PDB file of N, CA and C in Angstrom:
ATOM      1  N   MET A   1       0.833  -1.180   0.000  1.00  0.00           N
ATOM      2  CA  MET A   1       0.000   0.000   0.000  1.00  0.00           C
ATOM      3  C   MET A   1       0.881   1.247   0.000  1.00  0.00           C
ATOM      4  N   ARG A   2       0.623   2.153  -0.928  1.00  0.00           N
ATOM      5  CA  ARG A   2       1.414   3.378  -1.032  1.00  0.00           C
ATOM      6  C   ARG A   2       1.184   4.276   0.176  1.00  0.00           C
ATOM      7  N   VAL A   3       2.221   5.016   0.525  1.00  0.00           N
ATOM      8  CA  VAL A   3       2.172   5.945   1.649  1.00  0.00           C
ATOM      9  C   VAL A   3       2.509   7.338   1.110  1.00  0.00           C
ATOM     10  N   PRO A   4       1.686   8.341   1.415  1.00  0.00           N
ATOM     11  CA  PRO A   4       1.987   9.683   0.907  1.00  0.00           C
ATOM     12  C   PRO A   4       3.046  10.392   1.741  1.00  0.00           C
ATOM     13  N   ILE A   5       3.819  11.213   1.060  1.00  0.00           N
ATOM     14  CA  ILE A   5       4.651  12.219   1.720  1.00  0.00           C
ATOM     15  C   ILE A   5       3.919  13.531   1.452  1.00  0.00           C
ATOM     16  N   SER A   6       3.450  14.171   2.506  1.00  0.00           N
ATOM     17  CA  SER A   6       2.589  15.347   2.359  1.00  0.00           C
ATOM     18  C   SER A   6       3.223  16.588   2.963  1.00  0.00           C
ATOM     19  N   VAL A   7       2.700  17.732   2.568  1.00  0.00           N
ATOM     20  CA  VAL A   7       3.150  19.010   3.128  1.00  0.00           C
ATOM     21  C   VAL A   7       2.641  19.094   4.562  1.00  0.00           C
ATOM     22  N   PRO A   8       3.562  19.194   5.535  1.00  0.00           N
ATOM     23  CA  PRO A   8       3.122  19.314   6.931  1.00  0.00           C
ATOM     24  C   PRO A   8       2.585  20.718   7.214  1.00  0.00           C
ATOM     25  N   ASP A   9       1.916  20.862   8.342  1.00  0.00           N
ATOM     26  CA  ASP A   9       1.451  22.178   8.771  1.00  0.00           C
ATOM     27  C   ASP A   9       2.674  22.983   9.203  1.00  0.00           C
ATOM     28  N   LEU A  10       3.017  23.984   8.426  1.00  0.00           N
ATOM     29  CA  LEU A  10       4.218  24.784   8.686  1.00  0.00           C
ATOM     30  C   LEU A  10       3.898  26.077   9.435  1.00  0.00           C
ATOM     31  N   HIS A  11       2.634  26.270   9.776  1.00  0.00           N
ATOM     32  CA  HIS A  11       2.197  27.486  10.456  1.00  0.00           C
ATOM     33  C   HIS A  11       2.666  28.712   9.689  1.00  0.00           C
ATOM     34  N   ALA A  12       2.527  28.656   8.353  1.00  0.00           N
ATOM     35  CA  ALA A  12       3.009  29.721   7.486  1.00  0.00           C
ATOM     36  C   ALA A  12       1.959  30.801   7.246  1.00  0.00           C
ATOM     37  N   GLY A  13       0.758  30.590   7.758  1.00  0.00           N
ATOM     38  CA  GLY A  13      -0.295  31.578   7.525  1.00  0.00           C
ATOM     39  C   GLY A  13      -0.599  31.692   6.041  1.00  0.00           C
ATOM     40  N   ASP A  14      -0.582  32.908   5.527  1.00  0.00           N
ATOM     41  CA  ASP A  14      -0.863  33.148   4.113  1.00  0.00           C
ATOM     42  C   ASP A  14       0.396  33.130   3.246  1.00  0.00           C
ATOM     43  N   GLU A  15       1.543  32.846   3.845  1.00  0.00           N
ATOM     44  CA  GLU A  15       2.793  32.830   3.084  1.00  0.00           C
ATOM     45  C   GLU A  15       2.759  31.703   2.050  1.00  0.00           C
ATOM     46  N   PRO A  16       3.266  31.948   0.838  1.00  0.00           N
ATOM     47  CA  PRO A  16       3.308  30.885  -0.164  1.00  0.00           C
ATOM     48  C   PRO A  16       4.358  29.832   0.198  1.00  0.00           C
ATOM     49  N   ILE A  17       4.055  28.575  -0.146  1.00  0.00           N
ATOM     50  CA  ILE A  17       4.976  27.459   0.082  1.00  0.00           C
ATOM     51  C   ILE A  17       5.330  26.909  -1.302  1.00  0.00           C
ATOM     52  N   ARG A  18       6.625  26.658  -1.535  1.00  0.00           N
ATOM     53  CA  ARG A  18       7.077  26.113  -2.816  1.00  0.00           C
ATOM     54  C   ARG A  18       8.014  24.936  -2.570  1.00  0.00           C
ATOM     55  N   VAL A  19       8.035  24.013  -3.515  1.00  0.00           N
ATOM     56  CA  VAL A  19       9.004  22.921  -3.481  1.00  0.00           C
ATOM     57  C   VAL A  19      10.336  23.504  -3.927  1.00  0.00           C
ATOM     58  N   SER A  20      11.322  23.460  -3.045  1.00  0.00           N
ATOM     59  CA  SER A  20      12.637  24.036  -3.333  1.00  0.00           C
ATOM     60  C   SER A  20      13.544  23.030  -4.022  1.00  0.00           C
ATOM     61  N   GLY A  21      13.495  21.772  -3.588  1.00  0.00           N
ATOM     62  CA  GLY A  21      14.361  20.764  -4.203  1.00  0.00           C
ATOM     63  C   GLY A  21      14.123  19.385  -3.641  1.00  0.00           C
ATOM     64  N   TRP A  22      14.225  18.396  -4.519  1.00  0.00           N
ATOM     65  CA  TRP A  22      14.140  16.997  -4.102  1.00  0.00           C
ATOM     66  C   TRP A  22      15.532  16.506  -3.749  1.00  0.00           C
ATOM     67  N   LEU A  23      15.659  15.825  -2.624  1.00  0.00           N
ATOM     68  CA  LEU A  23      16.948  15.331  -2.154  1.00  0.00           C
ATOM     69  C   LEU A  23      17.179  13.883  -2.571  1.00  0.00           C
ATOM     70  N   ILE A  24      16.139  13.243  -3.116  1.00  0.00           N
ATOM     71  CA  ILE A  24      16.225  11.884  -3.645  1.00  0.00           C
ATOM     72  C   ILE A  24      15.479  11.847  -4.969  1.00  0.00           C
ATOM     73  N   ASP A  25      15.673  10.777  -5.722  1.00  0.00           N
ATOM     74  CA  ASP A  25      15.029  10.620  -7.025  1.00  0.00           C
ATOM     75  C   ASP A  25      14.006   9.497  -6.978  1.00  0.00           C
ATOM     76  N   GLU A  26      13.076   9.519  -7.941  1.00  0.00           N
ATOM     77  CA  GLU A  26      12.140   8.402  -8.074  1.00  0.00           C
ATOM     78  C   GLU A  26      12.942   7.107  -8.205  1.00  0.00           C
ATOM     79  N   GLY A  27      12.477   6.086  -7.526  1.00  0.00           N
ATOM     80  CA  GLY A  27      13.143   4.792  -7.545  1.00  0.00           C
ATOM     81  C   GLY A  27      14.129   4.584  -6.419  1.00  0.00           C
ATOM     82  N   ASP A  28      14.526   5.656  -5.725  1.00  0.00           N
ATOM     83  CA  ASP A  28      15.481   5.546  -4.624  1.00  0.00           C
ATOM     84  C   ASP A  28      14.826   4.917  -3.396  1.00  0.00           C
ATOM     85  N   LEU A  29      15.604   4.143  -2.663  1.00  0.00           N
ATOM     86  CA  LEU A  29      15.186   3.579  -1.393  1.00  0.00           C
ATOM     87  C   LEU A  29      15.512   4.594  -0.300  1.00  0.00           C
ATOM     88  N   VAL A  30      14.556   4.852   0.596  1.00  0.00           N
ATOM     89  CA  VAL A  30      14.765   5.794   1.693  1.00  0.00           C
ATOM     90  C   VAL A  30      14.408   5.123   3.015  1.00  0.00           C
ATOM     91  N   LEU A  31      15.014   5.611   4.061  1.00  0.00           N
ATOM     92  CA  LEU A  31      14.727   5.123   5.406  1.00  0.00           C
ATOM     93  C   LEU A  31      13.765   6.086   6.096  1.00  0.00           C
ATOM     94  N   ALA A  32      12.942   5.562   6.977  1.00  0.00           N
ATOM     95  CA  ALA A  32      12.044   6.411   7.758  1.00  0.00           C
ATOM     96  C   ALA A  32      12.870   7.483   8.459  1.00  0.00           C
ATOM     97  N   GLY A  33      12.433   8.722   8.347  1.00  0.00           N
ATOM     98  CA  GLY A  33      13.135   9.835   8.972  1.00  0.00           C
ATOM     99  C   GLY A  33      14.190  10.483   8.099  1.00  0.00           C
ATOM    100  N   GLU A  34      14.469   9.892   6.939  1.00  0.00           N
ATOM    101  CA  GLU A  34      15.464  10.451   6.024  1.00  0.00           C
ATOM    102  C   GLU A  34      14.874  11.666   5.298  1.00  0.00           C
ATOM    103  N   LEU A  35      15.702  12.689   5.094  1.00  0.00           N
ATOM    104  CA  LEU A  35      15.253  13.892   4.390  1.00  0.00           C
ATOM    105  C   LEU A  35      14.986  13.556   2.931  1.00  0.00           C
ATOM    106  N   VAL A  36      13.822  14.002   2.420  1.00  0.00           N
ATOM    107  CA  VAL A  36      13.491  13.684   1.031  1.00  0.00           C
ATOM    108  C   VAL A  36      13.223  14.923   0.176  1.00  0.00           C
ATOM    109  N   VAL A  37      12.706  15.987   0.754  1.00  0.00           N
ATOM    110  CA  VAL A  37      12.371  17.170  -0.032  1.00  0.00           C
ATOM    111  C   VAL A  37      12.492  18.412   0.845  1.00  0.00           C
ATOM    112  N   GLU A  38      12.862  19.508   0.201  1.00  0.00           N
ATOM    113  CA  GLU A  38      12.963  20.785   0.904  1.00  0.00           C
ATOM    114  C   GLU A  38      11.860  21.707   0.393  1.00  0.00           C
ATOM    115  N   LEU A  39      11.135  22.300   1.329  1.00  0.00           N
ATOM    116  CA  LEU A  39      10.101  23.279   1.010  1.00  0.00           C
ATOM    117  C   LEU A  39      10.601  24.653   1.413  1.00  0.00           C
ATOM    118  N   LEU A  40      10.087  25.660   0.736  1.00  0.00           N
ATOM    119  CA  LEU A  40      10.534  27.021   0.994  1.00  0.00           C
ATOM    120  C   LEU A  40       9.332  27.929   1.207  1.00  0.00           C
ATOM    121  N   ILE A  41       9.368  28.651   2.322  1.00  0.00           N
ATOM    122  CA  ILE A  41       8.458  29.776   2.518  1.00  0.00           C
ATOM    123  C   ILE A  41       9.380  30.987   2.625  1.00  0.00           C
ATOM    124  N   PRO A  42       8.910  32.178   2.320  1.00  0.00           N
ATOM    125  CA  PRO A  42       9.809  33.326   2.349  1.00  0.00           C
ATOM    126  C   PRO A  42      10.631  33.391   3.642  1.00  0.00           C
ATOM    127  N   GLY A  43      11.941  33.328   3.483  1.00  0.00           N
ATOM    128  CA  GLY A  43      12.859  33.441   4.600  1.00  0.00           C
ATOM    129  C   GLY A  43      13.125  32.158   5.373  1.00  0.00           C
ATOM    130  N   LEU A  44      12.559  31.024   4.951  1.00  0.00           N
ATOM    131  CA  LEU A  44      12.727  29.794   5.716  1.00  0.00           C
ATOM    132  C   LEU A  44      12.662  28.563   4.816  1.00  0.00           C
ATOM    133  N   ALA A  45      13.624  27.658   4.984  1.00  0.00           N
ATOM    134  CA  ALA A  45      13.610  26.372   4.276  1.00  0.00           C
ATOM    135  C   ALA A  45      13.253  25.289   5.284  1.00  0.00           C
ATOM    136  N   ILE A  46      12.380  24.371   4.877  1.00  0.00           N
ATOM    137  CA  ILE A  46      11.917  23.297   5.751  1.00  0.00           C
ATOM    138  C   ILE A  46      12.174  21.974   5.062  1.00  0.00           C
ATOM    139  N   ASP A  47      12.827  21.041   5.770  1.00  0.00           N
ATOM    140  CA  ASP A  47      13.061  19.702   5.236  1.00  0.00           C
ATOM    141  C   ASP A  47      11.920  18.787   5.650  1.00  0.00           C
ATOM    142  N   VAL A  48      11.429  17.994   4.699  1.00  0.00           N
ATOM    143  CA  VAL A  48      10.381  17.018   4.962  1.00  0.00           C
ATOM    144  C   VAL A  48      11.019  15.638   4.903  1.00  0.00           C
ATOM    145  N   VAL A  49      10.662  14.776   5.854  1.00  0.00           N
ATOM    146  CA  VAL A  49      11.271  13.449   5.960  1.00  0.00           C
ATOM    147  C   VAL A  49      10.322  12.363   5.466  1.00  0.00           C
ATOM    148  N   ALA A  50      10.911  11.211   5.150  1.00  0.00           N
ATOM    149  CA  ALA A  50      10.117  10.038   4.785  1.00  0.00           C
ATOM    150  C   ALA A  50       9.387   9.545   6.032  1.00  0.00           C
ATOM    151  N   VAL A  51       8.127   9.214   5.858  1.00  0.00           N
ATOM    152  CA  VAL A  51       7.324   8.758   6.992  1.00  0.00           C
ATOM    153  C   VAL A  51       7.511   7.273   7.268  1.00  0.00           C
ATOM    154  N   SER A  52       8.067   6.548   6.298  1.00  0.00           N
ATOM    155  CA  SER A  52       8.364   5.129   6.495  1.00  0.00           C
ATOM    156  C   SER A  52       9.507   4.746   5.575  1.00  0.00           C
ATOM    157  N   THR A  53      10.073   3.586   5.823  1.00  0.00           N
ATOM    158  CA  THR A  53      11.117   3.060   4.949  1.00  0.00           C
ATOM    159  C   THR A  53      10.454   2.508   3.694  1.00  0.00           C
ATOM    160  N   GLY A  54      11.012   2.844   2.545  1.00  0.00           N
ATOM    161  CA  GLY A  54      10.439   2.357   1.305  1.00  0.00           C
ATOM    162  C   GLY A  54      11.117   2.950   0.088  1.00  0.00           C
ATOM    163  N   ARG A  55      10.514   2.692  -1.055  1.00  0.00           N
ATOM    164  CA  ARG A  55      11.026   3.193  -2.324  1.00  0.00           C
ATOM    165  C   ARG A  55      10.143   4.348  -2.787  1.00  0.00           C
ATOM    166  N   LEU A  56      10.770   5.461  -3.174  1.00  0.00           N
ATOM    167  CA  LEU A  56      10.023   6.593  -3.711  1.00  0.00           C
ATOM    168  C   LEU A  56       9.557   6.209  -5.109  1.00  0.00           C
ATOM    169  N   ILE A  57       8.256   6.030  -5.270  1.00  0.00           N
ATOM    170  CA  ILE A  57       7.753   5.531  -6.548  1.00  0.00           C
ATOM    171  C   ILE A  57       7.207   6.624  -7.454  1.00  0.00           C
ATOM    172  N   GLU A  58       6.834   7.784  -6.884  1.00  0.00           N
ATOM    173  CA  GLU A  58       6.295   8.841  -7.740  1.00  0.00           C
ATOM    174  C   GLU A  58       6.417  10.199  -7.060  1.00  0.00           C
ATOM    175  N   ILE A  59       7.034  11.143  -7.758  1.00  0.00           N
ATOM    176  CA  ILE A  59       7.070  12.533  -7.309  1.00  0.00           C
ATOM    177  C   ILE A  59       5.897  13.239  -7.964  1.00  0.00           C
ATOM    178  N   ILE A  60       5.026  13.821  -7.169  1.00  0.00           N
ATOM    179  CA  ILE A  60       3.833  14.495  -7.663  1.00  0.00           C
ATOM    180  C   ILE A  60       4.105  15.978  -7.924  1.00  0.00           C
ATOM    181  N   GLN A  61       4.861  16.602  -7.024  1.00  0.00           N
ATOM    182  CA  GLN A  61       5.106  18.050  -7.108  1.00  0.00           C
ATOM    183  C   GLN A  61       6.562  18.310  -7.501  1.00  0.00           C
ATOM    184  N   PRO A  62       6.809  18.781  -8.720  1.00  0.00           N
ATOM    185  CA  PRO A  62       8.189  19.056  -9.136  1.00  0.00           C
ATOM    186  C   PRO A  62       8.739  20.314  -8.459  1.00  0.00           C
ATOM    187  N   VAL A  63      10.025  20.529  -8.619  1.00  0.00           N
ATOM    188  CA  VAL A  63      10.692  21.709  -8.075  1.00  0.00           C
ATOM    189  C   VAL A  63       9.991  22.969  -8.578  1.00  0.00           C
ATOM    190  N   ASP A  64       9.841  23.916  -7.685  1.00  0.00           N
ATOM    191  CA  ASP A  64       9.239  25.232  -7.904  1.00  0.00           C
ATOM    192  C   ASP A  64       7.716  25.205  -7.945  1.00  0.00           C
ATOM    193  N   SER A  65       7.101  24.054  -7.638  1.00  0.00           N
ATOM    194  CA  SER A  65       5.640  23.983  -7.594  1.00  0.00           C
ATOM    195  C   SER A  65       5.115  24.671  -6.341  1.00  0.00           C
ATOM    196  N   PRO A  66       4.048  25.449  -6.474  1.00  0.00           N
ATOM    197  CA  PRO A  66       3.382  25.976  -5.284  1.00  0.00           C
ATOM    198  C   PRO A  66       2.565  24.854  -4.647  1.00  0.00           C
ATOM    199  N   VAL A  67       2.624  24.740  -3.326  1.00  0.00           N
ATOM    200  CA  VAL A  67       1.904  23.685  -2.611  1.00  0.00           C
ATOM    201  C   VAL A  67       1.214  24.279  -1.393  1.00  0.00           C
ATOM    202  N   HIS A  68       0.303  23.484  -0.831  1.00  0.00           N
ATOM    203  CA  HIS A  68      -0.442  23.887   0.365  1.00  0.00           C
ATOM    204  C   HIS A  68      -0.368  22.776   1.403  1.00  0.00           C
ATOM    205  N   VAL A  69      -0.624  23.126   2.645  1.00  0.00           N
ATOM    206  CA  VAL A  69      -0.632  22.148   3.728  1.00  0.00           C
ATOM    207  C   VAL A  69      -1.560  20.990   3.353  1.00  0.00           C
ATOM    208  N   GLY A  70      -1.053  19.767   3.501  1.00  0.00           N
ATOM    209  CA  GLY A  70      -1.833  18.570   3.215  1.00  0.00           C
ATOM    210  C   GLY A  70      -1.655  18.031   1.806  1.00  0.00           C
ATOM    211  N   ASP A  71      -1.116  18.841   0.876  1.00  0.00           N
ATOM    212  CA  ASP A  71      -0.899  18.350  -0.489  1.00  0.00           C
ATOM    213  C   ASP A  71       0.071  17.174  -0.483  1.00  0.00           C
ATOM    214  N   VAL A  72      -0.199  16.192  -1.334  1.00  0.00           N
ATOM    215  CA  VAL A  72       0.721  15.063  -1.490  1.00  0.00           C
ATOM    216  C   VAL A  72       1.877  15.515  -2.372  1.00  0.00           C
ATOM    217  N   LEU A  73       3.094  15.341  -1.852  1.00  0.00           N
ATOM    218  CA  LEU A  73       4.305  15.695  -2.586  1.00  0.00           C
ATOM    219  C   LEU A  73       4.813  14.517  -3.410  1.00  0.00           C
ATOM    220  N   ALA A  74       4.701  13.321  -2.845  1.00  0.00           N
ATOM    221  CA  ALA A  74       5.220  12.111  -3.489  1.00  0.00           C
ATOM    222  C   ALA A  74       4.596  10.893  -2.821  1.00  0.00           C
ATOM    223  N   TRP A  75       4.833   9.731  -3.445  1.00  0.00           N
ATOM    224  CA  TRP A  75       4.337   8.462  -2.896  1.00  0.00           C
ATOM    225  C   TRP A  75       5.501   7.510  -2.648  1.00  0.00           C
ATOM    226  N   LEU A  76       5.435   6.844  -1.498  1.00  0.00           N
ATOM    227  CA  LEU A  76       6.392   5.793  -1.124  1.00  0.00           C
ATOM    228  C   LEU A  76       5.706   4.436  -1.186  1.00  0.00           C
ATOM    229  N   GLU A  77       6.456   3.448  -1.613  1.00  0.00           N
ATOM    230  CA  GLU A  77       6.013   2.052  -1.508  1.00  0.00           C
ATOM    231  C   GLU A  77       6.802   1.459  -0.344  1.00  0.00           C
ATOM    232  N   PRO A  78       6.158   1.223   0.814  1.00  0.00           N
ATOM    233  CA  PRO A  78       6.882   0.729   1.984  1.00  0.00           C
ATOM    234  C   PRO A  78       7.525  -0.629   1.724  1.00  0.00           C
ATOM    235  N   THR A  79       8.633  -0.855   2.376  1.00  0.00           N
ATOM    236  CA  THR A  79       9.313  -2.147   2.319  1.00  0.00           C
ATOM    237  C   THR A  79       9.195  -2.809   3.680  1.00  0.00           C
ATOM    238  N   VAL A  80       9.172  -4.112   3.663  1.00  0.00           N
ATOM    239  CA  VAL A  80       9.117  -4.876   4.901  1.00  0.00           C
ATOM    240  C   VAL A  80      10.528  -5.328   5.218  1.00  0.00           C
ATOM    241  N   GLU A  81      10.973  -4.985   6.423  1.00  0.00           N
ATOM    242  CA  GLU A  81      12.315  -5.372   6.833  1.00  0.00           C
ATOM    243  C   GLU A  81      12.258  -6.743   7.476  1.00  0.00           C
ATOM    244  N   ASN A  82      13.203  -7.593   7.093  1.00  0.00           N
ATOM    245  CA  ASN A  82      13.295  -8.925   7.705  1.00  0.00           C
ATOM    246  C   ASN A  82      13.925  -8.808   9.068  1.00  0.00           C
ATOM    247  N   GLN A  83      13.314  -9.450  10.033  1.00  0.00           N
ATOM    248  CA  GLN A  83      13.873  -9.467  11.376  1.00  0.00           C
ATOM    249  C   GLN A  83      14.169 -10.898  11.758  1.00  0.00           C
ATOM    250  N   ASN A  84      15.411 -11.176  12.081  1.00  0.00           N
ATOM    251  CA  ASN A  84      15.832 -12.535  12.458  1.00  0.00           C
ATOM    252  C   ASN A  84      16.089 -12.621  13.939  1.00  0.00           C
TER     253      ASN A  84
END
């Protein structure tokens, strides 16, 4: 089941939010908590982390896209870790 990476509540008020840069590419494996995308509001850059370990399967919002709180930025396909 796909897991969204979404724009968190940045308490930005009416300030515009933009995708500043992707730190990983589609197809890359990421760990939960790893930085995946940087968002920009005037005067502040915010890093968004992966919510689970998995493969980034689709970037929805390209660099320089305007976004809002709750918008899906990308989709992860979670991986199951083997525990011995």
